[in-house]
Amino acid sequence: MNGFNNNSGKLNGLHVSFLNNSTREGHGLLISFSNTADTFGGAQFGIYNNTQVMKGFQGGAINISKQNKGVQIGLVNKTDENKGLQIGFWNKNSKRTLPLINF
């Protein structure tokens, strides 16, 4: 836990901070205003979540991933490759762009 920023190469566990969490590879839980990761399995809760390869859950205002294998719930959800579910005001993946729900 940290007040402003957590940064790790490899995370297995929990990152909680006010401003930003970032990891190259991780499994567990990220809670912060902004969460970024290269590869992450688990859950991210924040206003802005950005992950290259996401396997799990993203919950926030803006959720972005290159590959999503899980669930994105937010106002705006965007992924290039989706093998999961998007629920939000605006959802975009390589197949379609839809409001409310996308798969």
N, C-alpha and C. Protein backbone atom coordinates (compact mmCIF):
# COMPACT_ATOMS: atom_id res chain seq x y z
N MET A 1 0.83 -1.18 0.00
CA MET A 1 0.00 0.00 0.00
C MET A 1 0.88 1.24 0.00
N ASN A 2 0.37 2.27 -0.67
CA ASN A 2 1.13 3.49 -0.80
C ASN A 2 0.16 4.64 -1.01
N GLY A 3 0.54 5.81 -0.62
CA GLY A 3 -0.32 6.97 -0.79
C GLY A 3 -0.47 7.43 -2.22
N PHE A 4 0.61 7.32 -3.01
CA PHE A 4 0.55 7.90 -4.34
C PHE A 4 0.84 6.93 -5.48
N ASN A 5 1.86 6.10 -5.37
CA ASN A 5 2.24 5.30 -6.52
C ASN A 5 2.85 3.97 -6.10
N ASN A 6 2.38 2.89 -6.70
CA ASN A 6 2.98 1.57 -6.55
C ASN A 6 3.46 1.13 -7.93
N ASN A 7 4.70 0.65 -8.02
CA ASN A 7 5.25 0.19 -9.28
C ASN A 7 6.02 -1.09 -9.02
N SER A 8 5.71 -2.14 -9.78
CA SER A 8 6.42 -3.41 -9.59
C SER A 8 6.64 -4.10 -10.92
N GLY A 9 7.68 -4.90 -10.97
CA GLY A 9 7.95 -5.71 -12.15
C GLY A 9 7.02 -6.91 -12.19
N LYS A 10 6.86 -7.54 -11.02
CA LYS A 10 5.99 -8.70 -10.92
C LYS A 10 5.21 -8.62 -9.61
N LEU A 11 3.91 -8.67 -9.71
CA LEU A 11 3.03 -8.56 -8.55
C LEU A 11 2.21 -9.82 -8.38
N ASN A 12 2.21 -10.36 -7.20
CA ASN A 12 1.29 -11.43 -6.82
C ASN A 12 0.69 -11.00 -5.49
N GLY A 13 -0.45 -10.35 -5.56
CA GLY A 13 -1.07 -9.85 -4.35
C GLY A 13 -1.89 -8.60 -4.59
N LEU A 14 -1.64 -7.60 -3.75
CA LEU A 14 -2.50 -6.42 -3.70
C LEU A 14 -1.68 -5.14 -3.81
N HIS A 15 -2.13 -4.26 -4.70
CA HIS A 15 -1.61 -2.89 -4.79
C HIS A 15 -2.77 -1.95 -4.50
N VAL A 16 -2.63 -1.10 -3.50
CA VAL A 16 -3.63 -0.07 -3.20
C VAL A 16 -2.90 1.25 -3.10
N SER A 17 -3.35 2.23 -3.86
CA SER A 17 -2.76 3.56 -3.78
C SER A 17 -3.80 4.59 -4.20
N PHE A 18 -3.53 5.85 -3.89
CA PHE A 18 -4.45 6.91 -4.24
C PHE A 18 -4.35 7.27 -5.72
N LEU A 19 -3.15 7.39 -6.25
CA LEU A 19 -2.96 7.93 -7.59
C LEU A 19 -2.76 6.87 -8.67
N ASN A 20 -1.77 5.97 -8.51
CA ASN A 20 -1.43 5.07 -9.61
C ASN A 20 -0.83 3.76 -9.12
N ASN A 21 -1.24 2.68 -9.77
CA ASN A 21 -0.62 1.37 -9.63
C ASN A 21 -0.15 0.93 -11.00
N SER A 22 1.07 0.41 -11.10
CA SER A 22 1.53 -0.13 -12.37
C SER A 22 2.39 -1.35 -12.12
N THR A 23 2.26 -2.32 -13.03
CA THR A 23 3.05 -3.54 -12.96
C THR A 23 3.25 -4.07 -14.37
N ARG A 24 4.37 -4.74 -14.59
CA ARG A 24 4.56 -5.40 -15.88
C ARG A 24 3.73 -6.66 -15.95
N GLU A 25 3.82 -7.49 -14.92
CA GLU A 25 3.09 -8.75 -14.88
C GLU A 25 2.52 -8.92 -13.49
N GLY A 26 1.24 -9.27 -13.41
CA GLY A 26 0.66 -9.40 -12.08
C GLY A 26 -0.56 -10.29 -12.02
N HIS A 27 -0.80 -10.75 -10.80
CA HIS A 27 -1.99 -11.53 -10.46
C HIS A 27 -2.47 -11.01 -9.11
N GLY A 28 -3.72 -10.65 -9.03
CA GLY A 28 -4.22 -10.17 -7.75
C GLY A 28 -5.22 -9.05 -7.92
N LEU A 29 -5.00 -7.96 -7.18
CA LEU A 29 -5.95 -6.87 -7.11
C LEU A 29 -5.23 -5.52 -7.16
N LEU A 30 -5.70 -4.65 -8.06
CA LEU A 30 -5.19 -3.29 -8.16
C LEU A 30 -6.34 -2.33 -7.85
N ILE A 31 -6.15 -1.44 -6.88
CA ILE A 31 -7.16 -0.44 -6.53
C ILE A 31 -6.47 0.92 -6.47
N SER A 32 -6.91 1.83 -7.36
CA SER A 32 -6.31 3.16 -7.41
C SER A 32 -7.10 4.03 -8.39
N PHE A 33 -6.76 5.31 -8.46
CA PHE A 33 -7.34 6.20 -9.47
C PHE A 33 -7.01 5.67 -10.87
N SER A 34 -5.75 5.25 -11.07
CA SER A 34 -5.27 4.76 -12.35
C SER A 34 -4.50 3.45 -12.15
N ASN A 35 -4.82 2.44 -12.96
CA ASN A 35 -4.14 1.15 -12.91
C ASN A 35 -3.64 0.80 -14.30
N THR A 36 -2.35 0.44 -14.41
CA THR A 36 -1.80 0.03 -15.70
C THR A 36 -0.98 -1.25 -15.51
N ALA A 37 -1.01 -2.11 -16.54
CA ALA A 37 -0.25 -3.35 -16.50
C ALA A 37 -0.01 -3.85 -17.91
N ASP A 38 1.08 -4.57 -18.10
CA ASP A 38 1.30 -5.24 -19.38
C ASP A 38 0.44 -6.50 -19.45
N THR A 39 0.58 -7.37 -18.45
CA THR A 39 -0.20 -8.61 -18.36
C THR A 39 -0.74 -8.71 -16.95
N PHE A 40 -2.06 -8.88 -16.84
CA PHE A 40 -2.64 -8.92 -15.50
C PHE A 40 -3.78 -9.93 -15.44
N GLY A 41 -3.81 -10.70 -14.38
CA GLY A 41 -4.90 -11.62 -14.10
C GLY A 41 -5.45 -11.31 -12.72
N GLY A 42 -6.71 -11.01 -12.65
CA GLY A 42 -7.31 -10.64 -11.38
C GLY A 42 -8.32 -9.53 -11.58
N ALA A 43 -8.30 -8.53 -10.70
CA ALA A 43 -9.27 -7.44 -10.77
C ALA A 43 -8.58 -6.10 -10.65
N GLN A 44 -9.09 -5.15 -11.42
CA GLN A 44 -8.64 -3.77 -11.36
C GLN A 44 -9.84 -2.89 -11.06
N PHE A 45 -9.73 -2.04 -10.05
CA PHE A 45 -10.77 -1.08 -9.72
C PHE A 45 -10.15 0.31 -9.72
N GLY A 46 -10.61 1.19 -10.62
CA GLY A 46 -10.07 2.53 -10.70
C GLY A 46 -10.87 3.37 -11.68
N ILE A 47 -10.61 4.65 -11.70
CA ILE A 47 -11.25 5.52 -12.68
C ILE A 47 -10.76 5.17 -14.09
N TYR A 48 -9.45 4.89 -14.20
CA TYR A 48 -8.83 4.56 -15.49
C TYR A 48 -8.02 3.28 -15.34
N ASN A 49 -8.36 2.26 -16.13
CA ASN A 49 -7.65 0.98 -16.13
C ASN A 49 -7.15 0.70 -17.54
N ASN A 50 -5.86 0.40 -17.68
CA ASN A 50 -5.28 0.13 -18.99
C ASN A 50 -4.33 -1.05 -18.89
N THR A 51 -4.63 -2.11 -19.61
CA THR A 51 -3.83 -3.33 -19.57
C THR A 51 -3.68 -3.89 -20.98
N GLN A 52 -2.49 -4.37 -21.30
CA GLN A 52 -2.27 -4.99 -22.61
C GLN A 52 -3.03 -6.32 -22.70
N VAL A 53 -2.76 -7.25 -21.77
CA VAL A 53 -3.44 -8.55 -21.74
C VAL A 53 -4.14 -8.66 -20.40
N MET A 54 -5.47 -8.66 -20.42
CA MET A 54 -6.27 -8.70 -19.20
C MET A 54 -7.04 -10.01 -19.13
N LYS A 55 -6.87 -10.71 -18.02
CA LYS A 55 -7.62 -11.94 -17.75
C LYS A 55 -8.28 -11.76 -16.39
N GLY A 56 -9.52 -11.31 -16.41
CA GLY A 56 -10.19 -11.08 -15.14
C GLY A 56 -11.24 -10.00 -15.26
N PHE A 57 -11.17 -9.00 -14.37
CA PHE A 57 -12.21 -7.99 -14.24
C PHE A 57 -11.61 -6.59 -14.20
N GLN A 58 -12.19 -5.70 -14.99
CA GLN A 58 -11.85 -4.28 -14.92
C GLN A 58 -13.12 -3.51 -14.58
N GLY A 59 -13.08 -2.72 -13.53
CA GLY A 59 -14.21 -1.90 -13.14
C GLY A 59 -13.77 -0.47 -12.96
N GLY A 60 -14.34 0.44 -13.74
CA GLY A 60 -13.96 1.84 -13.64
C GLY A 60 -14.69 2.68 -14.66
N ALA A 61 -14.38 3.95 -14.72
CA ALA A 61 -15.00 4.83 -15.70
C ALA A 61 -14.51 4.50 -17.12
N ILE A 62 -13.18 4.32 -17.27
CA ILE A 62 -12.59 3.99 -18.57
C ILE A 62 -11.74 2.74 -18.42
N ASN A 63 -12.06 1.71 -19.19
CA ASN A 63 -11.33 0.44 -19.17
C ASN A 63 -10.81 0.16 -20.57
N ILE A 64 -9.50 -0.04 -20.69
CA ILE A 64 -8.87 -0.28 -21.98
C ILE A 64 -7.97 -1.50 -21.89
N SER A 65 -8.01 -2.35 -22.91
CA SER A 65 -7.10 -3.48 -22.98
C SER A 65 -6.85 -3.84 -24.45
N LYS A 66 -5.69 -4.40 -24.73
CA LYS A 66 -5.42 -4.94 -26.07
C LYS A 66 -6.17 -6.25 -26.24
N GLN A 67 -6.02 -7.14 -25.23
CA GLN A 67 -6.71 -8.43 -25.22
C GLN A 67 -7.49 -8.54 -23.92
N ASN A 68 -8.77 -8.82 -24.02
CA ASN A 68 -9.62 -8.96 -22.85
C ASN A 68 -10.20 -10.37 -22.80
N LYS A 69 -9.91 -11.08 -21.73
CA LYS A 69 -10.52 -12.39 -21.47
C LYS A 69 -11.16 -12.28 -20.10
N GLY A 70 -12.31 -11.63 -20.06
CA GLY A 70 -12.97 -11.42 -18.78
C GLY A 70 -14.11 -10.44 -18.93
N VAL A 71 -14.28 -9.59 -17.93
CA VAL A 71 -15.40 -8.65 -17.89
C VAL A 71 -14.88 -7.23 -17.70
N GLN A 72 -15.41 -6.32 -18.49
CA GLN A 72 -15.15 -4.90 -18.33
C GLN A 72 -16.47 -4.22 -17.99
N ILE A 73 -16.52 -3.50 -16.88
CA ILE A 73 -17.72 -2.75 -16.51
C ILE A 73 -17.29 -1.31 -16.26
N GLY A 74 -17.85 -0.38 -17.05
CA GLY A 74 -17.49 1.03 -16.92
C GLY A 74 -18.31 1.90 -17.83
N LEU A 75 -18.02 3.18 -17.84
CA LEU A 75 -18.70 4.08 -18.78
C LEU A 75 -18.23 3.81 -20.20
N VAL A 76 -16.90 3.70 -20.39
CA VAL A 76 -16.31 3.41 -21.69
C VAL A 76 -15.41 2.20 -21.55
N ASN A 77 -15.65 1.19 -22.38
CA ASN A 77 -14.85 -0.03 -22.40
C ASN A 77 -14.32 -0.23 -23.82
N LYS A 78 -13.01 -0.45 -23.93
CA LYS A 78 -12.41 -0.63 -25.26
C LYS A 78 -11.39 -1.75 -25.21
N THR A 79 -11.46 -2.65 -26.19
CA THR A 79 -10.47 -3.70 -26.33
C THR A 79 -10.31 -4.04 -27.81
N ASP A 80 -9.13 -4.47 -28.20
CA ASP A 80 -8.90 -4.88 -29.58
C ASP A 80 -9.38 -6.31 -29.80
N GLU A 81 -9.05 -7.21 -28.88
CA GLU A 81 -9.46 -8.62 -28.97
C GLU A 81 -10.28 -8.96 -27.74
N ASN A 82 -11.54 -9.30 -27.95
CA ASN A 82 -12.43 -9.55 -26.83
C ASN A 82 -12.90 -11.00 -26.81
N LYS A 83 -12.63 -11.67 -25.70
CA LYS A 83 -13.18 -13.01 -25.46
C LYS A 83 -13.89 -12.95 -24.11
N GLY A 84 -14.68 -11.90 -23.95
CA GLY A 84 -15.34 -11.68 -22.68
C GLY A 84 -16.59 -10.84 -22.87
N LEU A 85 -16.90 -10.06 -21.86
CA LEU A 85 -18.14 -9.30 -21.81
C LEU A 85 -17.82 -7.86 -21.44
N GLN A 86 -18.47 -6.93 -22.12
CA GLN A 86 -18.33 -5.51 -21.83
C GLN A 86 -19.71 -4.96 -21.46
N ILE A 87 -19.78 -4.29 -20.32
CA ILE A 87 -21.03 -3.67 -19.87
C ILE A 87 -20.73 -2.22 -19.56
N GLY A 88 -21.40 -1.30 -20.26
CA GLY A 88 -21.14 0.11 -20.02
C GLY A 88 -21.91 1.01 -20.97
N PHE A 89 -21.71 2.31 -20.81
CA PHE A 89 -22.37 3.30 -21.66
C PHE A 89 -21.93 3.14 -23.11
N TRP A 90 -20.61 2.92 -23.34
CA TRP A 90 -20.07 2.73 -24.68
C TRP A 90 -19.03 1.63 -24.67
N ASN A 91 -19.22 0.60 -25.51
CA ASN A 91 -18.37 -0.57 -25.54
C ASN A 91 -17.85 -0.79 -26.96
N LYS A 92 -16.53 -0.94 -27.09
CA LYS A 92 -15.94 -1.12 -28.42
C LYS A 92 -14.96 -2.28 -28.40
N ASN A 93 -15.10 -3.17 -29.38
CA ASN A 93 -14.10 -4.21 -29.60
C ASN A 93 -13.91 -4.37 -31.11
N SER A 94 -13.10 -5.34 -31.52
CA SER A 94 -12.77 -5.47 -32.95
C SER A 94 -13.98 -5.87 -33.80
N LYS A 95 -14.99 -6.47 -33.20
CA LYS A 95 -16.16 -6.93 -33.95
C LYS A 95 -17.24 -5.87 -34.07
N ARG A 96 -17.47 -5.10 -32.99
CA ARG A 96 -18.57 -4.16 -33.01
C ARG A 96 -18.43 -3.10 -31.92
N THR A 97 -19.22 -2.07 -32.07
CA THR A 97 -19.32 -1.01 -31.06
C THR A 97 -20.78 -0.89 -30.68
N LEU A 98 -21.06 -1.08 -29.39
CA LEU A 98 -22.44 -1.09 -28.92
C LEU A 98 -22.57 -0.38 -27.59
N PRO A 99 -23.71 0.27 -27.37
CA PRO A 99 -23.99 0.78 -26.02
C PRO A 99 -24.49 -0.33 -25.12
N LEU A 100 -24.37 -0.17 -23.84
CA LEU A 100 -24.88 -1.04 -22.78
C LEU A 100 -24.17 -2.39 -22.64
N ILE A 101 -24.19 -3.23 -23.66
CA ILE A 101 -23.58 -4.56 -23.51
C ILE A 101 -22.95 -4.99 -24.83
N ASN A 102 -21.80 -5.62 -24.74
CA ASN A 102 -21.08 -6.07 -25.93
C ASN A 102 -20.34 -7.35 -25.57
N PHE A 103 -20.16 -8.22 -26.55
CA PHE A 103 -19.51 -9.50 -26.29
C PHE A 103 -18.64 -9.90 -27.46
